[in-house]
Protein backbone atom coordinates (compact mmCIF):
# COMPACT_ATOMS: atom_id res chain seq x y z
CA MET A 1 -19.84 -9.01 11.60
CA GLN A 2 -21.18 -6.70 8.88
CA ILE A 3 -20.54 -3.66 11.19
CA GLY A 4 -17.10 -5.11 12.02
CA LEU A 5 -16.20 -5.46 8.31
CA ILE A 6 -17.32 -1.86 7.75
CA LEU A 7 -15.03 -0.66 10.53
CA LEU A 8 -12.16 -2.75 9.15
CA ALA A 9 -12.81 -1.02 5.87
CA LEU A 10 -12.62 2.40 7.54
CA ALA A 11 -9.38 1.27 9.25
CA TYR A 12 -8.05 0.39 5.84
CA VAL A 13 -9.07 3.76 4.51
CA LEU A 14 -6.83 5.23 7.25
CA SER A 15 -4.04 2.83 6.28
CA GLN A 16 -4.17 3.94 2.65
CA PHE A 17 -4.26 7.55 3.75
CA PHE A 18 -1.10 7.24 5.87
CA ARG A 19 0.90 5.56 3.12
CA ALA A 20 0.25 8.40 0.70
CA PHE A 21 -0.30 11.69 2.62
CA LEU A 22 3.32 12.73 2.64
CA ALA A 23 3.13 13.52 -1.11
CA VAL A 24 1.02 16.65 -0.43
CA LEU A 25 2.94 17.64 2.73
CA THR A 26 6.39 18.01 1.10
CA VAL A 27 6.07 21.77 0.81
CA PRO A 28 4.53 22.47 4.29
CA LEU A 29 6.96 20.18 6.08
CA GLU A 30 9.96 21.74 4.33
CA THR A 31 8.71 25.16 5.16
CA ASP A 32 7.88 24.48 8.84
CA LEU A 33 10.56 21.88 9.82
CA GLY A 34 13.12 22.07 6.98
CA ILE A 35 12.44 18.45 5.99
CA THR A 36 13.34 17.75 2.35
CA PRO A 37 11.75 15.20 -0.01
CA ASP A 38 14.79 12.88 0.38
CA VAL A 39 14.18 12.71 4.12
CA LEU A 40 10.48 12.16 3.59
CA ALA A 41 11.35 9.22 1.27
CA THR A 42 13.09 7.69 4.30
CA ALA A 43 10.06 8.37 6.48
CA SER A 44 7.80 6.77 3.89
CA GLY A 45 10.13 3.80 3.66
CA LEU A 46 10.08 3.38 7.44
CA TRP A 47 6.25 3.28 7.36
CA PHE A 48 6.35 0.44 4.80
CA LEU A 49 9.15 -1.44 6.57
CA SER A 50 7.53 -1.33 10.00
CA PHE A 51 4.26 -2.33 8.35
CA ALA A 52 6.09 -5.26 6.63
CA ALA A 53 8.00 -6.30 9.75
CA LEU A 54 4.70 -6.70 11.68
CA GLN A 55 3.28 -9.14 9.07
CA ILE A 56 4.91 -12.18 10.69
CA PRO A 57 3.57 -11.52 14.22
CA VAL A 58 0.28 -10.35 12.64
CA GLY A 59 -0.01 -13.69 10.80
CA TRP A 60 0.55 -15.51 14.10
CA GLY A 61 -1.97 -13.25 15.84
CA LEU A 62 -4.69 -13.86 13.20
CA ASP A 63 -4.30 -17.61 13.45
CA THR A 64 -4.15 -17.71 17.31
CA LEU A 65 -5.72 -14.51 18.81
CA GLY A 66 -8.07 -13.76 15.92
CA PRO A 67 -8.59 -10.64 13.80
CA ARG A 68 -10.55 -8.63 16.46
CA ARG A 69 -7.77 -8.25 19.05
CA THR A 70 -4.93 -8.31 16.53
CA SER A 71 -6.28 -5.36 14.49
CA GLY A 72 -8.05 -3.40 17.21
CA TRP A 73 -5.19 -3.06 19.70
CA LEU A 74 -2.52 -2.38 17.19
CA LEU A 75 -4.52 0.33 15.44
CA LEU A 76 -5.38 1.90 18.84
CA ILE A 77 -1.83 2.07 20.10
CA GLY A 78 0.19 2.42 16.89
CA GLY A 79 -2.17 4.34 14.69
CA GLY A 80 -3.60 6.70 17.32
CA GLY A 81 -0.28 7.15 19.14
CA GLY A 82 1.78 7.62 15.94
CA ALA A 83 -0.59 10.23 14.50
CA ALA A 84 -0.49 12.15 17.72
CA LEU A 85 3.31 12.12 17.72
CA PHE A 86 3.34 13.26 14.11
CA ALA A 87 1.10 16.21 15.07
CA LEU A 88 3.60 17.15 17.83
CA ALA A 89 6.76 16.53 15.80
CA GLN A 90 9.50 19.18 15.88
CA SER A 91 12.38 17.11 14.35
CA VAL A 92 13.17 14.54 11.66
CA MET A 93 13.57 11.81 14.30
CA GLN A 94 10.06 12.37 15.69
CA ILE A 95 8.61 12.19 12.17
CA HIS A 96 10.45 8.90 11.62
CA ILE A 97 9.29 7.37 14.90
CA ALA A 98 5.72 8.59 14.21
CA MET A 99 5.74 6.91 10.80
CA ILE A 100 7.07 3.63 12.29
CA LEU A 101 4.24 3.65 14.88
CA ILE A 102 1.61 4.41 12.32
CA GLY A 103 2.99 1.58 10.13
CA ILE A 104 2.64 -0.77 13.05
CA GLY A 105 -0.96 0.42 13.73
CA CYS A 106 -2.00 -0.10 10.10
CA ALA A 107 -0.22 -3.47 9.61
CA PRO A 108 -3.07 -5.82 10.59
CA VAL A 109 -6.25 -4.17 9.22
CA LEU A 110 -6.32 -5.36 5.65
CA MET A 111 -5.06 -8.82 6.54
CA ALA A 112 -7.69 -9.10 9.28
CA SER A 113 -10.40 -8.62 6.67
CA PHE A 114 -8.65 -11.00 4.21
CA TYR A 115 -8.48 -13.65 6.96
CA ILE A 116 -12.21 -13.29 7.56
CA PHE A 117 -12.91 -13.57 3.81
CA ALA A 118 -10.65 -16.63 3.44
CA ARG A 119 -12.23 -18.40 6.44
CA THR A 120 -15.87 -17.39 5.93
CA PHE A 121 -16.57 -17.11 2.19
CA PRO A 122 -16.14 -19.49 -0.81
CA PRO A 123 -12.62 -19.42 -2.32
CA ALA A 124 -13.97 -18.29 -5.73
CA ARG A 125 -15.20 -15.05 -4.15
CA PHE A 126 -11.95 -14.16 -2.42
CA ALA A 127 -10.42 -12.03 -5.20
CA THR A 128 -13.64 -10.04 -5.67
CA LEU A 129 -14.06 -9.40 -1.91
CA ALA A 130 -10.43 -8.58 -1.55
CA ALA A 131 -10.56 -6.14 -4.46
CA LEU A 132 -13.75 -4.52 -3.09
CA MET A 133 -12.04 -4.05 0.30
CA ILE A 134 -8.99 -2.49 -1.30
CA GLY A 135 -11.13 -0.40 -3.60
CA VAL A 136 -13.03 1.01 -0.62
CA GLY A 137 -9.81 1.50 1.30
CA THR A 138 -8.32 3.41 -1.57
CA LEU A 139 -10.69 6.21 -0.65
CA GLY A 140 -7.92 6.94 1.78
CA ASN A 141 -5.75 7.86 -1.18
CA LEU A 142 -8.46 10.29 -2.22
CA MET A 143 -8.42 11.83 1.21
CA SER A 144 -4.66 12.12 1.22
CA SER A 145 -4.70 14.07 -2.05
CA TYR A 146 -6.61 17.34 -2.52
CA PRO A 147 -8.59 17.11 0.79
CA MET A 148 -5.32 16.74 2.77
CA ALA A 149 -3.77 19.57 0.80
CA PHE A 150 -6.82 21.77 1.47
CA ALA A 151 -6.69 20.83 5.18
CA ALA A 152 -3.00 21.71 5.38
CA GLN A 153 -3.72 25.11 3.85
CA THR A 154 -6.76 25.91 6.02
CA ILE A 155 -6.46 24.38 9.52
CA GLY A 156 -2.77 23.39 9.21
CA TRP A 157 -1.19 19.97 8.98
CA ARG A 158 -0.82 19.59 12.70
CA ALA A 159 -4.54 20.02 13.32
CA ALA A 160 -5.25 17.60 10.49
CA LEU A 161 -3.02 14.96 12.13
CA TRP A 162 -4.80 15.42 15.47
CA LEU A 163 -8.11 14.69 13.76
CA LEU A 164 -6.64 11.63 12.23
CA ALA A 165 -5.34 10.41 15.65
CA VAL A 166 -8.85 10.74 17.05
CA GLY A 167 -10.22 8.82 14.02
CA CYS A 168 -7.77 5.96 14.63
CA VAL A 169 -8.78 5.68 18.26
CA VAL A 170 -12.51 5.69 17.52
CA VAL A 171 -12.29 3.08 14.70
CA ALA A 172 -10.02 0.85 16.78
CA LEU A 173 -12.45 0.86 19.71
CA GLY A 174 -15.27 0.08 17.25
CA ILE A 175 -13.31 -2.93 15.92
CA LEU A 176 -12.72 -4.28 19.43
CA ALA A 177 -16.45 -3.96 20.11
CA THR A 178 -17.98 -5.38 16.91
CA VAL A 179 -15.63 -7.71 14.98
CA ARG A 180 -16.35 -11.45 15.56
CA ASP A 181 -13.50 -13.93 15.08
CA PRO A 182 -14.22 -16.78 12.67
CA ALA A 183 -14.22 -20.34 14.15
CA LYS A 184 -10.82 -21.97 14.07
CA PRO A 185 -10.34 -24.91 11.68
CA GLU A 186 -10.87 -28.40 12.94
CA GLY A 187 -8.14 -31.03 13.02
CA ASP A 188 -4.37 -30.64 13.05
CA ALA A 189 -3.52 -26.99 13.28
CA HIS A 190 0.28 -27.35 13.70
CA GLY A 191 2.55 -25.47 11.28
CA SER A 192 4.53 -22.30 10.85
CA LEU A 193 5.67 -19.74 8.34
CA LEU A 194 8.57 -22.06 7.42
CA ASP A 195 6.00 -24.57 6.10
CA LEU A 196 4.84 -21.97 3.58
CA LEU A 197 8.43 -21.03 2.61
CA ARG A 198 9.09 -24.64 1.89
CA MET A 199 6.51 -24.56 -0.88
CA PRO A 200 8.43 -24.12 -4.24
CA VAL A 201 5.17 -23.07 -5.89
CA LEU A 202 5.38 -19.72 -4.09
CA TRP A 203 9.00 -18.97 -5.01
CA LEU A 204 8.22 -17.84 -8.52
CA MET A 205 5.41 -15.61 -7.25
CA LEU A 206 7.28 -13.77 -4.51
CA PRO A 207 9.57 -11.64 -6.75
CA LEU A 208 6.55 -10.01 -8.41
CA ALA A 209 4.89 -9.60 -5.03
CA VAL A 210 7.94 -7.67 -3.99
CA VAL A 211 7.85 -5.20 -6.85
CA ASN A 212 4.20 -5.24 -7.86
CA TYR A 213 3.02 -2.51 -5.52
CA ALA A 214 6.32 -0.58 -5.49
CA PRO A 215 5.57 1.74 -8.49
CA ILE A 216 2.24 3.04 -7.16
CA GLY A 217 3.50 2.91 -3.52
CA ALA A 218 6.53 5.02 -4.37
CA LEU A 219 4.97 7.32 -6.97
CA ARG A 220 1.58 7.97 -5.32
CA GLY A 221 3.06 7.68 -1.84
CA LEU A 222 5.66 10.46 -2.36
CA TRP A 223 7.35 11.21 -5.69
CA ILE A 224 4.30 12.45 -7.63
CA GLY A 225 4.43 15.67 -5.59
CA PRO A 226 8.12 16.58 -5.92
CA TYR A 227 8.12 15.47 -9.61
CA LEU A 228 5.22 17.68 -10.63
CA SER A 229 6.63 20.48 -8.55
CA ASP A 230 10.20 20.40 -9.80
CA VAL A 231 9.56 19.56 -13.44
CA PHE A 232 6.31 21.44 -14.16
CA ALA A 233 6.18 23.97 -11.30
CA LEU A 234 2.77 22.87 -10.08
CA ASN A 235 1.62 24.28 -6.75
CA VAL A 236 0.18 22.43 -3.73
CA SER A 237 -3.46 22.65 -4.93
CA GLN A 238 -2.54 21.42 -8.46
CA ILE A 239 -0.51 18.55 -6.96
CA GLY A 240 -3.54 17.75 -4.85
CA VAL A 241 -5.67 17.47 -7.94
CA ALA A 242 -3.05 15.27 -9.67
CA THR A 243 -2.83 12.93 -6.69
CA LEU A 244 -6.58 12.79 -6.66
CA VAL A 245 -6.60 11.75 -10.36
CA MET A 246 -4.11 8.97 -9.68
CA SER A 247 -6.00 7.84 -6.60
CA VAL A 248 -9.29 7.53 -8.58
CA ALA A 249 -7.42 5.50 -11.18
CA MET A 250 -6.15 3.18 -8.46
CA ILE A 251 -9.68 2.64 -7.15
CA LEU A 252 -11.06 1.94 -10.60
CA GLY A 253 -8.17 -0.45 -11.34
CA THR A 254 -8.65 -2.40 -8.10
CA LEU A 255 -12.38 -2.81 -8.74
CA ALA A 256 -11.74 -3.77 -12.36
CA TYR A 257 -9.25 -6.47 -11.33
CA GLY A 258 -11.66 -8.05 -8.78
CA PRO A 259 -13.93 -10.17 -10.99
CA LEU A 260 -11.42 -10.76 -13.84
CA ASP A 261 -10.10 -14.05 -12.54
CA ARG A 262 -13.64 -15.55 -12.55
CA ILE A 263 -14.49 -13.94 -16.00
CA LEU A 264 -11.27 -15.03 -17.70
CA GLY A 265 -10.68 -18.23 -15.80
CA THR A 266 -7.16 -17.38 -14.83
CA ARG A 267 -5.39 -15.46 -12.10
CA LYS A 268 -1.85 -15.67 -13.34
CA TRP A 269 -2.38 -14.04 -16.72
CA VAL A 270 -4.67 -11.36 -15.30
CA VAL A 271 -1.79 -10.34 -12.98
CA PHE A 272 0.87 -10.67 -15.69
CA GLY A 273 -1.08 -8.68 -18.26
CA GLY A 274 -1.81 -5.82 -15.93
CA ASN A 275 1.73 -5.56 -14.62
CA PHE A 276 3.10 -5.63 -18.15
CA ALA A 277 0.91 -2.71 -19.04
CA ALA A 278 2.24 -0.87 -15.97
CA PHE A 279 5.78 -1.62 -17.13
CA ILE A 280 5.00 -0.10 -20.56
CA LEU A 281 3.59 3.07 -18.93
CA LEU A 282 6.69 3.47 -16.79
CA VAL A 283 8.77 3.29 -19.95
CA LEU A 284 6.62 5.99 -21.49
CA LEU A 285 7.19 8.12 -18.38
CA VAL A 286 10.91 7.75 -18.99
CA MET A 287 10.57 8.82 -22.63
CA PHE A 288 8.25 11.77 -22.04
CA SER A 289 9.17 12.81 -18.56
CA ASN A 290 9.21 16.60 -19.21
CA ALA A 291 6.90 16.84 -22.23
CA ASN A 292 3.61 17.96 -20.66
CA ALA A 293 2.16 18.03 -17.13
CA TRP A 294 -1.18 16.50 -18.13
CA LEU A 295 0.48 13.73 -20.10
CA ALA A 296 2.63 12.94 -17.10
CA ILE A 297 -0.42 12.88 -14.78
CA ALA A 298 -2.23 10.59 -17.30
CA LEU A 299 0.69 8.16 -17.42
CA LEU A 300 0.93 8.17 -13.62
CA ALA A 301 -2.78 7.47 -13.44
CA GLY A 302 -2.31 4.56 -15.90
CA VAL A 303 0.42 3.09 -13.67
CA GLY A 304 -2.06 3.42 -10.75
CA PHE A 305 -4.81 1.62 -12.69
CA PHE A 306 -2.84 -1.28 -14.07
CA GLY A 307 -0.57 -1.57 -10.98
CA SER A 308 -3.52 -2.32 -8.67
CA SER A 309 -3.41 -6.11 -9.11
CA PHE A 310 -2.31 -6.95 -5.56
CA PRO A 311 -5.62 -8.56 -4.50
CA VAL A 312 -5.45 -11.01 -7.43
CA ILE A 313 -1.81 -11.85 -6.50
CA ILE A 314 -3.04 -12.62 -2.94
CA ALA A 315 -5.90 -14.69 -4.42
CA HIS A 316 -3.47 -16.57 -6.66
CA ALA A 317 -1.24 -17.47 -3.70
CA ARG A 318 -4.22 -18.13 -1.39
CA GLY A 319 -5.16 -21.20 -3.49
CA PHE A 320 -1.97 -22.98 -2.23
CA PHE A 321 -2.31 -22.18 1.50
CA PRO A 322 -3.54 -24.83 4.02
CA GLU A 323 -6.54 -23.71 6.02
CA HIS A 324 -4.76 -23.65 9.36
CA LEU A 325 -2.03 -21.37 8.01
CA MET A 326 -4.33 -18.97 6.17
CA GLY A 327 -3.40 -15.99 8.42
CA ARG A 328 0.28 -16.62 8.03
CA GLY A 329 -0.17 -17.14 4.31
CA VAL A 330 -1.90 -13.83 3.49
CA THR A 331 0.43 -11.90 5.79
CA LEU A 332 3.50 -13.56 4.15
CA MET A 333 2.35 -12.17 0.78
CA ASN A 334 1.73 -8.82 2.35
CA LEU A 335 5.14 -8.89 4.02
CA PHE A 336 6.80 -9.22 0.63
CA GLY A 337 4.46 -6.71 -1.07
CA ILE A 338 4.73 -3.97 1.56
CA GLY A 339 8.35 -4.76 2.50
CA GLY A 340 9.28 -4.41 -1.17
CA VAL A 341 7.83 -0.85 -1.30
CA GLY A 342 9.75 0.08 1.88
CA LEU A 343 13.09 -1.19 0.54
CA MET A 344 12.51 0.37 -2.88
CA GLN A 345 11.45 3.65 -1.32
CA PHE A 346 14.85 3.84 0.39
CA GLY A 347 16.36 3.12 -2.99
CA THR A 348 14.38 5.86 -4.72
CA GLY A 349 15.43 8.34 -2.10
CA ARG A 350 19.11 7.63 -2.75
CA ILE A 351 18.57 7.70 -6.55
CA HIS A 352 16.93 11.14 -6.21
CA SER A 353 19.92 12.41 -4.09
CA ALA A 354 22.45 11.01 -6.60
CA TRP A 355 20.77 12.66 -9.60
CA SER A 356 19.96 15.98 -7.95
CA GLY A 357 21.67 19.07 -9.38
CA GLN A 358 21.25 17.97 -12.95
CA ALA A 359 18.24 18.61 -15.25
CA PRO A 360 15.01 19.01 -13.21
CA ASP A 361 13.55 15.76 -14.55
CA ALA A 362 16.78 13.68 -14.27
CA PRO A 363 16.21 12.30 -10.69
CA TYR A 364 12.68 11.27 -11.63
CA VAL A 365 13.66 9.62 -14.91
CA ALA A 366 16.21 7.60 -12.90
CA ILE A 367 13.40 6.65 -10.47
CA PHE A 368 11.09 5.61 -13.32
CA VAL A 369 13.88 3.45 -14.87
CA PHE A 370 14.50 1.78 -11.51
CA LEU A 371 10.84 0.93 -11.02
CA ALA A 372 10.43 -0.28 -14.63
CA VAL A 373 13.46 -2.58 -14.49
CA SER A 374 12.35 -4.02 -11.11
CA LEU A 375 8.88 -4.74 -12.46
CA ALA A 376 10.38 -6.45 -15.53
CA VAL A 377 12.46 -8.75 -13.40
CA GLY A 378 9.47 -9.68 -11.26
CA LEU A 379 7.48 -10.49 -14.38
CA LEU A 380 10.23 -12.76 -15.72
CA PHE A 381 9.90 -14.97 -12.61
CA TYR A 382 6.14 -14.82 -12.42
CA ALA A 383 5.70 -15.91 -16.06
CA ARG A 384 6.88 -19.41 -14.94
CA SER A 385 4.52 -19.65 -11.95
CA ARG A 386 1.61 -22.11 -11.68
CA ASP A 387 -1.94 -20.84 -12.10
CA THR A 388 -4.76 -21.46 -9.62
CA ARG A 389 -8.48 -21.53 -10.37
CA ASP A 390 -11.51 -22.07 -8.05
């Protein structure tokens, strides 16, 4: 199982890579295929939406088939096949289909590890283990920053995607060979996703789940590149360094969040405080959008650090899930979290189009305002939620 968890962590590294690598390919893809950042925002949104759409069947698969088959086969077919199609792409439609396939392939890997944690380890350790897995996986964000920019400039983006396709296949085969499914819970195992949605305690948590990951998903996943290029005229290598800085901040933030619920004795207020800090940083980005490149990068890194509270949100909700619906429960939260990014990425693409042609920073100020307001609304609901402690 230790080897299996390591391979699931490697699979999640690939998942984190694929949700963010378009940020450093905006220039090469526009040069080679004429694909603009607005179109890439749609491609990024399709990744998140396909990822989110799979969460319901993935939840069923985890509870019935187990994490080994659910994660291994989807990563093999979706991740490997989608990366190969991206490497061969000659049109916008092929890029979109490739991102949908990759989203399907990446959909189960984090939830498979969360399912194993929830069914195998004490509840009090869940947030720490989840944060550790996400922290390790966020190395994929590092790979998708300067290393991917360097690869695109040296061997070309197509060759880099072929290597990633091979990596998906190898990791998927390893998961199928090594992961061991936890024993199923004893007793009555009847139930469905509707049973979870009938729990009012979750309703006040779901709005923040929708918008919590959206700022770092949208900014690190795509807009950091065009923003720094259009407003501060940074080149591909400099953007690679900036994305690397934000990625490191996300890793540090995730690892910092992990033990805080046990240290402070609360999950709700750890999440609320961190997301409120992210809201303040988004407001500062609006106020100082064109002041200085390094200030902008520092503020983006701050959003990455404080916006990495997703594992604690999952741990907060996990305290309310019945054992036999654990797979459906964690994937439900992931559905809202990743689906929210997908929907908001479509929104940011349209906002960018609507404000293009004005001042260079105008489209990005509008995006920052949109993300800040969305996060504030989520916090208003979450403030009334019920805390959980183990």
